[in-house]
PDB file of N, CA and C in Angstrom:
ATOM      1  N   MET A   1     102.728  88.422  76.748  1.00  0.00           N
ATOM      2  CA  MET A   1     101.808  88.058  78.040  1.00  0.00           C
ATOM      3  C   MET A   1     100.861  86.911  77.722  1.00  0.00           C
ATOM      4  N   GLY A   2     100.133  87.214  76.392  1.00  0.00           N
ATOM      5  CA  GLY A   2      99.191  86.358  76.503  1.00  0.00           C
ATOM      6  C   GLY A   2      97.636  86.594  76.712  1.00  0.00           C
ATOM      7  N   LEU A   3      96.609  85.728  76.202  1.00  0.00           N
ATOM      8  CA  LEU A   3      95.457  85.867  76.739  1.00  0.00           C
ATOM      9  C   LEU A   3      95.211  85.703  78.091  1.00  0.00           C
ATOM     10  N   LYS A   4      94.301  86.430  78.752  1.00  0.00           N
ATOM     11  CA  LYS A   4      94.145  86.312  80.394  1.00  0.00           C
ATOM     12  C   LYS A   4      92.633  85.457  80.395  1.00  0.00           C
ATOM     13  N   TYR A   5      92.303  84.291  80.820  1.00  0.00           N
ATOM     14  CA  TYR A   5      91.372  83.731  81.028  1.00  0.00           C
ATOM     15  C   TYR A   5      90.308  84.313  82.141  1.00  0.00           C
ATOM     16  N   ARG A   6      88.977  84.534  81.840  1.00  0.00           N
ATOM     17  CA  ARG A   6      87.828  85.154  82.347  1.00  0.00           C
ATOM     18  C   ARG A   6      86.840  84.106  82.959  1.00  0.00           C
ATOM     19  N   GLU A   7      86.599  84.211  84.026  1.00  0.00           N
ATOM     20  CA  GLU A   7      85.653  83.668  84.333  1.00  0.00           C
ATOM     21  C   GLU A   7      84.027  84.134  84.545  1.00  0.00           C
ATOM     22  N   TYR A   8      83.051  83.566  83.566  1.00  0.00           N
ATOM     23  CA  TYR A   8      81.963  84.211  83.491  1.00  0.00           C
ATOM     24  C   TYR A   8      80.626  83.716  84.709  1.00  0.00           C
ATOM     25  N   LEU A   9      80.181  84.295  84.923  1.00  0.00           N
ATOM     26  CA  LEU A   9      79.144  83.734  86.167  1.00  0.00           C
ATOM     27  C   LEU A   9      77.720  83.564  85.909  1.00  0.00           C
ATOM     28  N   GLU A  10      77.055  82.732  86.642  1.00  0.00           N
ATOM     29  CA  GLU A  10      75.568  82.555  86.204  1.00  0.00           C
ATOM     30  C   GLU A  10      75.007  83.085  87.420  1.00  0.00           C
ATOM     31  N   GLY A  11      73.682  83.276  87.523  1.00  0.00           N
ATOM     32  CA  GLY A  11      72.526  83.687  88.390  1.00  0.00           C
ATOM     33  C   GLY A  11      71.577  84.867  88.435  1.00  0.00           C
ATOM     34  N   ARG A  12      71.123  85.446  89.324  1.00  0.00           N
ATOM     35  CA  ARG A  12      69.835  86.111  89.116  1.00  0.00           C
ATOM     36  C   ARG A  12      70.738  87.625  88.651  1.00  0.00           C
ATOM     37  N   ARG A  13      71.593  87.751  89.767  1.00  0.00           N
ATOM     38  CA  ARG A  13      72.251  89.368  89.951  1.00  0.00           C
ATOM     39  C   ARG A  13      73.647  89.245  89.841  1.00  0.00           C
ATOM     40  N   ILE A  14      74.500  89.862  88.732  1.00  0.00           N
ATOM     41  CA  ILE A  14      76.050  89.492  88.581  1.00  0.00           C
ATOM     42  C   ILE A  14      76.204  90.902  88.494  1.00  0.00           C
ATOM     43  N   TYR A  15      77.675  91.016  89.523  1.00  0.00           N
ATOM     44  CA  TYR A  15      78.193  92.564  89.448  1.00  0.00           C
ATOM     45  C   TYR A  15      79.198  92.501  88.542  1.00  0.00           C
ATOM     46  N   GLY A  16      79.560  93.497  87.911  1.00  0.00           N
ATOM     47  CA  GLY A  16      80.887  93.505  87.164  1.00  0.00           C
ATOM     48  C   GLY A  16      81.653  94.676  87.449  1.00  0.00           C
ATOM     49  N   CYS A  17      83.018  94.686  86.774  1.00  0.00           N
ATOM     50  CA  CYS A  17      83.704  96.149  86.680  1.00  0.00           C
ATOM     51  C   CYS A  17      82.548  97.159  86.064  1.00  0.00           C
ATOM     52  N   SER A  18      83.007  98.261  86.425  1.00  0.00           N
ATOM     53  CA  SER A  18      81.877  99.567  86.051  1.00  0.00           C
ATOM     54  C   SER A  18      82.317  99.978  84.899  1.00  0.00           C
ATOM     55  N   LYS A  19      84.367  99.604  84.502  1.00  0.00           N
ATOM     56  CA  LYS A  19      84.616 100.096  83.348  1.00  0.00           C
ATOM     57  C   LYS A  19      84.613  98.981  82.189  1.00  0.00           C
ATOM     58  N   CYS A  20      84.943  97.856  82.187  1.00  0.00           N
ATOM     59  CA  CYS A  20      84.509  96.961  81.331  1.00  0.00           C
ATOM     60  C   CYS A  20      83.636  95.720  81.563  1.00  0.00           C
ATOM     61  N   ARG A  21      82.750  95.887  82.399  1.00  0.00           N
ATOM     62  CA  ARG A  21      81.876  94.861  82.704  1.00  0.00           C
ATOM     63  C   ARG A  21      82.259  93.414  82.917  1.00  0.00           C
ATOM     64  N   SER A  22      83.486  93.014  83.207  1.00  0.00           N
ATOM     65  CA  SER A  22      83.952  91.704  83.335  1.00  0.00           C
ATOM     66  C   SER A  22      83.023  91.523  84.747  1.00  0.00           C
ATOM     67  N   HIS A  23      82.902  89.997  84.707  1.00  0.00           N
ATOM     68  CA  HIS A  23      82.152  89.458  85.997  1.00  0.00           C
ATOM     69  C   HIS A  23      83.110  89.633  86.993  1.00  0.00           C
ATOM     70  N   LEU A  24      82.720  89.915  88.304  1.00  0.00           N
ATOM     71  CA  LEU A  24      83.086  89.895  89.851  1.00  0.00           C
ATOM     72  C   LEU A  24      82.805  88.830  90.447  1.00  0.00           C
ATOM     73  N   THR A  25      81.402  89.036  90.813  1.00  0.00           N
ATOM     74  CA  THR A  25      80.702  88.282  91.791  1.00  0.00           C
ATOM     75  C   THR A  25      79.100  88.405  91.883  1.00  0.00           C
ATOM     76  N   THR A  26      78.459  87.499  92.640  1.00  0.00           N
ATOM     77  CA  THR A  26      76.688  87.205  92.478  1.00  0.00           C
ATOM     78  C   THR A  26      76.298  88.082  93.395  1.00  0.00           C
ATOM     79  N   GLY A  27      75.215  88.407  93.428  1.00  0.00           N
ATOM     80  CA  GLY A  27      74.502  88.915  94.550  1.00  0.00           C
ATOM     81  C   GLY A  27      74.495  87.886  95.842  1.00  0.00           C
ATOM     82  N   ASP A  28      74.360  87.037  95.690  1.00  0.00           N
ATOM     83  CA  ASP A  28      74.200  85.746  96.706  1.00  0.00           C
ATOM     84  C   ASP A  28      76.004  85.354  97.188  1.00  0.00           C
ATOM     85  N   ARG A  29      76.529  86.118  97.075  1.00  0.00           N
ATOM     86  CA  ARG A  29      77.971  86.107  97.747  1.00  0.00           C
ATOM     87  C   ARG A  29      78.068  87.316  98.570  1.00  0.00           C
ATOM     88  N   ILE A  30      77.454  88.125  98.592  1.00  0.00           N
ATOM     89  CA  ILE A  30      77.574  89.096  99.365  1.00  0.00           C
ATOM     90  C   ILE A  30      77.190  89.042 100.717  1.00  0.00           C
ATOM     91  N   LEU A  31      78.228  89.140 101.567  1.00  0.00           N
ATOM     92  CA  LEU A  31      77.748  89.045 103.177  1.00  0.00           C
ATOM     93  C   LEU A  31      77.596  90.209 103.846  1.00  0.00           C
ATOM     94  N   SER A  32      77.846  91.326 103.485  1.00  0.00           N
ATOM     95  CA  SER A  32      77.452  92.590 104.178  1.00  0.00           C
ATOM     96  C   SER A  32      77.224  94.083 103.090  1.00  0.00           C
ATOM     97  N   LYS A  33      76.363  94.601 103.047  1.00  0.00           N
ATOM     98  CA  LYS A  33      76.423  96.239 102.434  1.00  0.00           C
ATOM     99  C   LYS A  33      76.265  97.184 103.278  1.00  0.00           C
ATOM    100  N   GLY A  34      76.971  97.095 104.333  1.00  0.00           N
ATOM    101  CA  GLY A  34      77.060  98.076 105.290  1.00  0.00           C
ATOM    102  C   GLY A  34      78.761  98.443 105.422  1.00  0.00           C
ATOM    103  N   PHE A  35      79.585  98.338 104.321  1.00  0.00           N
ATOM    104  CA  PHE A  35      80.965  98.986 104.512  1.00  0.00           C
ATOM    105  C   PHE A  35      81.370 100.063 103.977  1.00  0.00           C
ATOM    106  N   ARG A  36      82.114 100.635 104.409  1.00  0.00           N
ATOM    107  CA  ARG A  36      83.098 102.018 103.492  1.00  0.00           C
ATOM    108  C   ARG A  36      84.200 101.662 103.154  1.00  0.00           C
ATOM    109  N   GLY A  37      84.528 102.349 101.805  1.00  0.00           N
ATOM    110  CA  GLY A  37      85.552 102.049 101.260  1.00  0.00           C
ATOM    111  C   GLY A  37      86.012 103.275 101.222  1.00  0.00           C
ATOM    112  N   ASN A  38      87.191 103.641 100.039  1.00  0.00           N
ATOM    113  CA  ASN A  38      87.796 104.854  99.818  1.00  0.00           C
ATOM    114  C   ASN A  38      86.848 105.835  99.156  1.00  0.00           C
ATOM    115  N   ASN A  39      85.666 105.352  98.277  1.00  0.00           N
ATOM    116  CA  ASN A  39      85.094 106.182  97.678  1.00  0.00           C
ATOM    117  C   ASN A  39      83.592 105.941  97.818  1.00  0.00           C
ATOM    118  N   GLY A  40      83.128 105.644  99.536  1.00  0.00           N
ATOM    119  CA  GLY A  40      81.917 105.500  99.756  1.00  0.00           C
ATOM    120  C   GLY A  40      81.151 104.227 100.155  1.00  0.00           C
ATOM    121  N   GLU A  41      80.264 103.728  99.620  1.00  0.00           N
ATOM    122  CA  GLU A  41      79.510 102.590 100.009  1.00  0.00           C
ATOM    123  C   GLU A  41      80.516 101.393  99.493  1.00  0.00           C
ATOM    124  N   ALA A  42      80.598 100.108 100.169  1.00  0.00           N
ATOM    125  CA  ALA A  42      81.204  98.990  99.687  1.00  0.00           C
ATOM    126  C   ALA A  42      80.413  97.799 100.451  1.00  0.00           C
ATOM    127  N   TYR A  43      81.164  96.687  99.788  1.00  0.00           N
ATOM    128  CA  TYR A  43      80.450  95.303 100.273  1.00  0.00           C
ATOM    129  C   TYR A  43      81.309  94.230 100.421  1.00  0.00           C
ATOM    130  N   LEU A  44      80.971  93.574 101.409  1.00  0.00           N
ATOM    131  CA  LEU A  44      81.919  92.505 101.924  1.00  0.00           C
ATOM    132  C   LEU A  44      81.481  91.387 101.074  1.00  0.00           C
ATOM    133  N   ILE A  45      82.487  90.985 100.605  1.00  0.00           N
ATOM    134  CA  ILE A  45      82.261  89.697  99.593  1.00  0.00           C
ATOM    135  C   ILE A  45      82.726  88.301 100.193  1.00  0.00           C
ATOM    136  N   HIS A  46      82.085  87.348  99.667  1.00  0.00           N
ATOM    137  CA  HIS A  46      83.040  86.129  99.973  1.00  0.00           C
ATOM    138  C   HIS A  46      83.634  85.445  99.266  1.00  0.00           C
ATOM    139  N   ASN A  47      83.757  85.791  98.094  1.00  0.00           N
ATOM    140  CA  ASN A  47      84.265  85.160  96.643  1.00  0.00           C
ATOM    141  C   ASN A  47      84.111  86.104  95.620  1.00  0.00           C
ATOM    142  N   VAL A  48      85.402  86.568  94.966  1.00  0.00           N
ATOM    143  CA  VAL A  48      85.156  87.021  93.577  1.00  0.00           C
ATOM    144  C   VAL A  48      86.142  86.493  92.710  1.00  0.00           C
ATOM    145  N   VAL A  49      85.889  86.692  91.110  1.00  0.00           N
ATOM    146  CA  VAL A  49      86.665  86.127  90.403  1.00  0.00           C
ATOM    147  C   VAL A  49      87.170  87.613  89.429  1.00  0.00           C
ATOM    148  N   ASN A  50      88.095  87.163  88.510  1.00  0.00           N
ATOM    149  CA  ASN A  50      88.654  87.897  87.481  1.00  0.00           C
ATOM    150  C   ASN A  50      89.236  89.257  87.964  1.00  0.00           C
ATOM    151  N   VAL A  51      89.479  88.767  89.110  1.00  0.00           N
ATOM    152  CA  VAL A  51      90.639  90.316  89.904  1.00  0.00           C
ATOM    153  C   VAL A  51      92.198  89.888  89.882  1.00  0.00           C
ATOM    154  N   SER A  52      92.999  90.752  90.210  1.00  0.00           N
ATOM    155  CA  SER A  52      94.039  90.113  90.243  1.00  0.00           C
ATOM    156  C   SER A  52      94.465  91.170  91.715  1.00  0.00           C
ATOM    157  N   GLU A  53      95.579  90.708  92.665  1.00  0.00           N
ATOM    158  CA  GLU A  53      96.330  91.291  93.542  1.00  0.00           C
ATOM    159  C   GLU A  53      97.329  92.641  92.946  1.00  0.00           C
ATOM    160  N   THR A  54      97.113  93.727  93.344  1.00  0.00           N
ATOM    161  CA  THR A  54      97.728  94.883  93.097  1.00  0.00           C
ATOM    162  C   THR A  54      98.742  94.986  94.180  1.00  0.00           C
ATOM    163  N   GLY A  55     100.013  95.402  94.155  1.00  0.00           N
ATOM    164  CA  GLY A  55     100.949  95.891  94.872  1.00  0.00           C
ATOM    165  C   GLY A  55     101.443  94.883  95.910  1.00  0.00           C
ATOM    166  N   GLU A  56     101.960  95.447  97.264  1.00  0.00           N
ATOM    167  CA  GLU A  56     102.014  94.870  98.444  1.00  0.00           C
ATOM    168  C   GLU A  56     100.965  94.639  99.302  1.00  0.00           C
ATOM    169  N   GLU A  57     101.408  93.685 100.193  1.00  0.00           N
ATOM    170  CA  GLU A  57     100.253  93.751 101.385  1.00  0.00           C
ATOM    171  C   GLU A  57     101.101  94.778 102.394  1.00  0.00           C
ATOM    172  N   HIS A  58      99.739  95.417 102.949  1.00  0.00           N
ATOM    173  CA  HIS A  58     100.345  96.341 103.930  1.00  0.00           C
ATOM    174  C   HIS A  58      99.180  96.585 105.013  1.00  0.00           C
ATOM    175  N   GLU A  59      99.839  97.184 106.127  1.00  0.00           N
ATOM    176  CA  GLU A  59      99.188  97.507 107.179  1.00  0.00           C
ATOM    177  C   GLU A  59      97.980  98.747 106.946  1.00  0.00           C
ATOM    178  N   SER A  60      96.917  98.594 107.468  1.00  0.00           N
ATOM    179  CA  SER A  60      95.810  99.694 107.794  1.00  0.00           C
ATOM    180  C   SER A  60      95.136  99.784 108.564  1.00  0.00           C
ATOM    181  N   ILE A  61      94.916 100.798 109.026  1.00  0.00           N
ATOM    182  CA  ILE A  61      94.211 101.525 110.043  1.00  0.00           C
ATOM    183  C   ILE A  61      92.751 101.859 109.307  1.00  0.00           C
ATOM    184  N   MET A  62      91.988 101.112 109.990  1.00  0.00           N
ATOM    185  CA  MET A  62      90.490 101.441 109.528  1.00  0.00           C
ATOM    186  C   MET A  62      89.476 101.402 110.481  1.00  0.00           C
ATOM    187  N   THR A  63      88.175 101.971 110.544  1.00  0.00           N
ATOM    188  CA  THR A  63      87.601 102.164 111.767  1.00  0.00           C
ATOM    189  C   THR A  63      87.166 101.224 112.742  1.00  0.00           C
ATOM    190  N   THR A  64      87.620  99.939 112.390  1.00  0.00           N
ATOM    191  CA  THR A  64      87.315  98.333 112.991  1.00  0.00           C
ATOM    192  C   THR A  64      88.371  97.955 113.464  1.00  0.00           C
ATOM    193  N   GLY A  65      89.540  98.750 113.183  1.00  0.00           N
ATOM    194  CA  GLY A  65      91.179  98.522 113.875  1.00  0.00           C
ATOM    195  C   GLY A  65      91.793  98.247 112.629  1.00  0.00           C
ATOM    196  N   ARG A  66      92.851  97.383 113.087  1.00  0.00           N
ATOM    197  CA  ARG A  66      94.194  97.553 112.168  1.00  0.00           C
ATOM    198  C   ARG A  66      94.319  96.064 111.431  1.00  0.00           C
ATOM    199  N   HIS A  67      94.528  96.266 110.245  1.00  0.00           N
ATOM    200  CA  HIS A  67      94.091  94.871 109.392  1.00  0.00           C
ATOM    201  C   HIS A  67      95.197  94.972 108.314  1.00  0.00           C
ATOM    202  N   LYS A  68      95.476  93.927 107.961  1.00  0.00           N
ATOM    203  CA  LYS A  68      96.786  93.757 106.471  1.00  0.00           C
ATOM    204  C   LYS A  68      95.558  93.416 105.392  1.00  0.00           C
ATOM    205  N   ILE A  69      95.981  94.362 104.511  1.00  0.00           N
ATOM    206  CA  ILE A  69      95.046  94.166 103.198  1.00  0.00           C
ATOM    207  C   ILE A  69      95.929  94.172 102.025  1.00  0.00           C
ATOM    208  N   ILE A  70      95.679  93.608 100.903  1.00  0.00           N
ATOM    209  CA  ILE A  70      96.008  93.944  99.582  1.00  0.00           C
ATOM    210  C   ILE A  70      94.988  94.510  98.367  1.00  0.00           C
ATOM    211  N   HIS A  71      95.285  95.398  97.699  1.00  0.00           N
ATOM    212  CA  HIS A  71      94.798  95.990  96.826  1.00  0.00           C
ATOM    213  C   HIS A  71      94.375  94.983  95.940  1.00  0.00           C
ATOM    214  N   ILE A  72      92.998  94.653  94.898  1.00  0.00           N
ATOM    215  CA  ILE A  72      92.542  94.135  94.141  1.00  0.00           C
ATOM    216  C   ILE A  72      92.379  95.066  92.535  1.00  0.00           C
ATOM    217  N   SER A  73      92.179  94.773  91.748  1.00  0.00           N
ATOM    218  CA  SER A  73      92.134  95.310  90.208  1.00  0.00           C
ATOM    219  C   SER A  73      91.300  94.077  89.506  1.00  0.00           C
ATOM    220  N   CYS A  74      90.928  94.840  88.415  1.00  0.00           N
ATOM    221  CA  CYS A  74      90.114  94.021  87.433  1.00  0.00           C
ATOM    222  C   CYS A  74      91.207  93.405  86.560  1.00  0.00           C
ATOM    223  N   VAL A  75      90.866  92.117  86.184  1.00  0.00           N
ATOM    224  CA  VAL A  75      91.895  91.281  85.446  1.00  0.00           C
ATOM    225  C   VAL A  75      91.953  91.693  84.081  1.00  0.00           C
ATOM    226  N   ARG A  76      90.896  92.288  83.481  1.00  0.00           N
ATOM    227  CA  ARG A  76      90.712  92.864  82.123  1.00  0.00           C
ATOM    228  C   ARG A  76      91.222  94.503  81.792  1.00  0.00           C
ATOM    229  N   CYS A  77      90.811  95.020  82.748  1.00  0.00           N
ATOM    230  CA  CYS A  77      91.021  96.600  82.327  1.00  0.00           C
ATOM    231  C   CYS A  77      91.947  97.077  83.309  1.00  0.00           C
ATOM    232  N   GLY A  78      92.379  96.877  84.637  1.00  0.00           N
ATOM    233  CA  GLY A  78      93.178  96.895  85.478  1.00  0.00           C
ATOM    234  C   GLY A  78      92.604  98.144  86.713  1.00  0.00           C
ATOM    235  N   SER A  79      91.384  98.191  86.357  1.00  0.00           N
ATOM    236  CA  SER A  79      90.748  99.239  87.445  1.00  0.00           C
ATOM    237  C   SER A  79      90.759  98.990  88.610  1.00  0.00           C
ATOM    238  N   GLN A  80      91.165  99.682  89.734  1.00  0.00           N
ATOM    239  CA  GLN A  80      91.067  99.335  91.167  1.00  0.00           C
ATOM    240  C   GLN A  80      89.919  99.177  91.628  1.00  0.00           C
ATOM    241  N   LEU A  81      89.589  97.857  92.289  1.00  0.00           N
ATOM    242  CA  LEU A  81      88.057  97.665  92.675  1.00  0.00           C
ATOM    243  C   LEU A  81      87.705  97.618  94.180  1.00  0.00           C
ATOM    244  N   GLY A  82      88.832  97.745  95.095  1.00  0.00           N
ATOM    245  CA  GLY A  82      88.688  97.137  96.371  1.00  0.00           C
ATOM    246  C   GLY A  82      90.204  96.641  96.956  1.00  0.00           C
ATOM    247  N   TRP A  83      90.088  95.908  98.201  1.00  0.00           N
ATOM    248  CA  TRP A  83      91.207  95.210  98.553  1.00  0.00           C
ATOM    249  C   TRP A  83      90.516  93.736  99.441  1.00  0.00           C
ATOM    250  N   LYS A  84      91.626  93.167  99.561  1.00  0.00           N
ATOM    251  CA  LYS A  84      91.083  91.494 100.613  1.00  0.00           C
ATOM    252  C   LYS A  84      91.901  91.742 101.866  1.00  0.00           C
ATOM    253  N   TYR A  85      91.016  91.252 102.311  1.00  0.00           N
ATOM    254  CA  TYR A  85      91.568  91.142 103.937  1.00  0.00           C
ATOM    255  C   TYR A  85      92.280  90.122 104.082  1.00  0.00           C
ATOM    256  N   THR A  86      93.688  90.132 104.303  1.00  0.00           N
ATOM    257  CA  THR A  86      94.917  88.747 104.488  1.00  0.00           C
ATOM    258  C   THR A  86      94.747  88.733 106.139  1.00  0.00           C
ATOM    259  N   GLU A  87      94.527  89.655 106.908  1.00  0.00           N
ATOM    260  CA  GLU A  87      94.799  89.462 108.514  1.00  0.00           C
ATOM    261  C   GLU A  87      94.223  90.605 109.189  1.00  0.00           C
ATOM    262  N   ALA A  88      93.636  90.425 110.316  1.00  0.00           N
ATOM    263  CA  ALA A  88      93.078  91.362 111.141  1.00  0.00           C
ATOM    264  C   ALA A  88      93.653  90.839 112.510  1.00  0.00           C
ATOM    265  N   HIS A  89      93.963  92.100 113.130  1.00  0.00           N
ATOM    266  CA  HIS A  89      94.439  91.929 114.409  1.00  0.00           C
ATOM    267  C   HIS A  89      93.632  91.597 115.676  1.00  0.00           C
ATOM    268  N   ASP A  90      92.453  92.071 115.385  1.00  0.00           N
ATOM    269  CA  ASP A  90      91.522  92.103 116.563  1.00  0.00           C
ATOM    270  C   ASP A  90      90.642  90.864 116.192  1.00  0.00           C
ATOM    271  N   GLU A  91      90.797  90.164 117.467  1.00  0.00           N
ATOM    272  CA  GLU A  91      89.611  88.604 117.193  1.00  0.00           C
ATOM    273  C   GLU A  91      88.303  88.852 116.839  1.00  0.00           C
ATOM    274  N   GLU A  92      87.913  89.885 117.112  1.00  0.00           N
ATOM    275  CA  GLU A  92      86.429  90.036 116.824  1.00  0.00           C
ATOM    276  C   GLU A  92      86.407  90.477 115.287  1.00  0.00           C
ATOM    277  N   GLN A  93      87.582  90.962 114.543  1.00  0.00           N
ATOM    278  CA  GLN A  93      87.389  90.931 112.845  1.00  0.00           C
ATOM    279  C   GLN A  93      87.951  89.975 112.276  1.00  0.00           C
ATOM    280  N   LYS A  94      88.256  88.644 112.680  1.00  0.00           N
ATOM    281  CA  LYS A  94      88.933  87.409 112.097  1.00  0.00           C
ATOM    282  C   LYS A  94      88.067  87.234 110.906  1.00  0.00           C
ATOM    283  N   TYR A  95      86.880  87.500 111.028  1.00  0.00           N
ATOM    284  CA  TYR A  95      85.879  86.573 110.184  1.00  0.00           C
ATOM    285  C   TYR A  95      86.379  87.574 108.481  1.00  0.00           C
ATOM    286  N   LYS A  96      86.922  88.757 108.671  1.00  0.00           N
ATOM    287  CA  LYS A  96      86.883  89.106 107.346  1.00  0.00           C
ATOM    288  C   LYS A  96      88.011  88.619 106.733  1.00  0.00           C
ATOM    289  N   GLU A  97      88.772  87.894 107.133  1.00  0.00           N
ATOM    290  CA  GLU A  97      90.192  87.383 106.690  1.00  0.00           C
ATOM    291  C   GLU A  97      89.915  86.698 105.245  1.00  0.00           C
ATOM    292  N   GLY A  98      90.619  86.671 104.355  1.00  0.00           N
ATOM    293  CA  GLY A  98      90.053  85.948 103.051  1.00  0.00           C
ATOM    294  C   GLY A  98      89.103  86.681 102.514  1.00  0.00           C
ATOM    295  N   LYS A  99      88.428  87.468 102.866  1.00  0.00           N
ATOM    296  CA  LYS A  99      86.687  88.250 102.489  1.00  0.00           C
ATOM    297  C   LYS A  99      87.840  89.628 101.408  1.00  0.00           C
ATOM    298  N   TYR A 100      87.039  89.866 100.947  1.00  0.00           N
ATOM    299  CA  TYR A 100      87.044  91.110  99.645  1.00  0.00           C
ATOM    300  C   TYR A 100      86.185  92.095 100.105  1.00  0.00           C
ATOM    301  N   ILE A 101      86.602  93.673  99.774  1.00  0.00           N
ATOM    302  CA  ILE A 101      85.828  94.530  99.592  1.00  0.00           C
ATOM    303  C   ILE A 101      86.025  94.987  98.123  1.00  0.00           C
ATOM    304  N   LEU A 102      84.565  95.460  97.733  1.00  0.00           N
ATOM    305  CA  LEU A 102      84.505  95.790  96.246  1.00  0.00           C
ATOM    306  C   LEU A 102      83.869  97.191  96.679  1.00  0.00           C
ATOM    307  N   GLU A 103      84.120  98.152  95.917  1.00  0.00           N
ATOM    308  CA  GLU A 103      83.608  99.304  96.256  1.00  0.00           C
ATOM    309  C   GLU A 103      82.221 100.018  95.648  1.00  0.00           C
ATOM    310  N   ARG A 104      81.342 100.317  95.863  1.00  0.00           N
ATOM    311  CA  ARG A 104      79.983 100.253  94.937  1.00  0.00           C
ATOM    312  C   ARG A 104      79.987 101.080  93.766  1.00  0.00           C
ATOM    313  N   ASN A 105      80.924 102.180  93.768  1.00  0.00           N
ATOM    314  CA  ASN A 105      81.200 103.162  92.821  1.00  0.00           C
ATOM    315  C   ASN A 105      82.171 102.378  91.892  1.00  0.00           C
ATOM    316  N   LEU A 106      82.766 101.513  92.113  1.00  0.00           N
ATOM    317  CA  LEU A 106      83.956 101.117  90.958  1.00  0.00           C
ATOM    318  C   LEU A 106      83.152  99.910  90.486  1.00  0.00           C
ATOM    319  N   ILE A 107      82.075  99.227  90.887  1.00  0.00           N
ATOM    320  CA  ILE A 107      81.116  97.995  90.087  1.00  0.00           C
ATOM    321  C   ILE A 107      79.722  98.545  89.817  1.00  0.00           C
ATOM    322  N   ARG A 108      79.162  97.641  89.063  1.00  0.00           N
ATOM    323  CA  ARG A 108      78.021  97.908  88.445  1.00  0.00           C
ATOM    324  C   ARG A 108      77.197  96.352  88.100  1.00  0.00           C
ATOM    325  N   ILE A 109      75.692  96.599  88.075  1.00  0.00           N
ATOM    326  CA  ILE A 109      75.244  95.406  88.041  1.00  0.00           C
ATOM    327  C   ILE A 109      75.192  95.367  86.219  1.00  0.00           C
ATOM    328  N   VAL A 110      75.494  93.798  86.006  1.00  0.00           N
ATOM    329  CA  VAL A 110      75.879  93.348  84.532  1.00  0.00           C
ATOM    330  C   VAL A 110      74.684  92.943  83.867  1.00  0.00           C
ATOM    331  N   LYS A 111      74.188  92.103  85.052  1.00  0.00           N
ATOM    332  CA  LYS A 111      73.073  91.065  84.512  1.00  0.00           C
ATOM    333  C   LYS A 111      71.763  91.008  85.627  1.00  0.00           C
TER     334      LYS A 111
END
């Protein structure tokens, strides 16, 4: 399979995978800290790196309505981290499309 290239981020606050510390995002890419994931608090993120989409895109009924999502995992260790919104059915939720949810219990500050 070969080596996987990983991106390293610069910035004041860098968030990484809680298991292997691979860089995922920076503090300035966080759009909101007011979200909930399967394991508690979660962040809505504009852009993440070093993740892979896992499984199939599927419909999910959430407190804010029906969305299509795909789960994301760490490209280095394979740990589940959250999901990516691929489609929102409610017009008011369209701003989430293409954005990511990282679950707070599955990430940590690495710098």
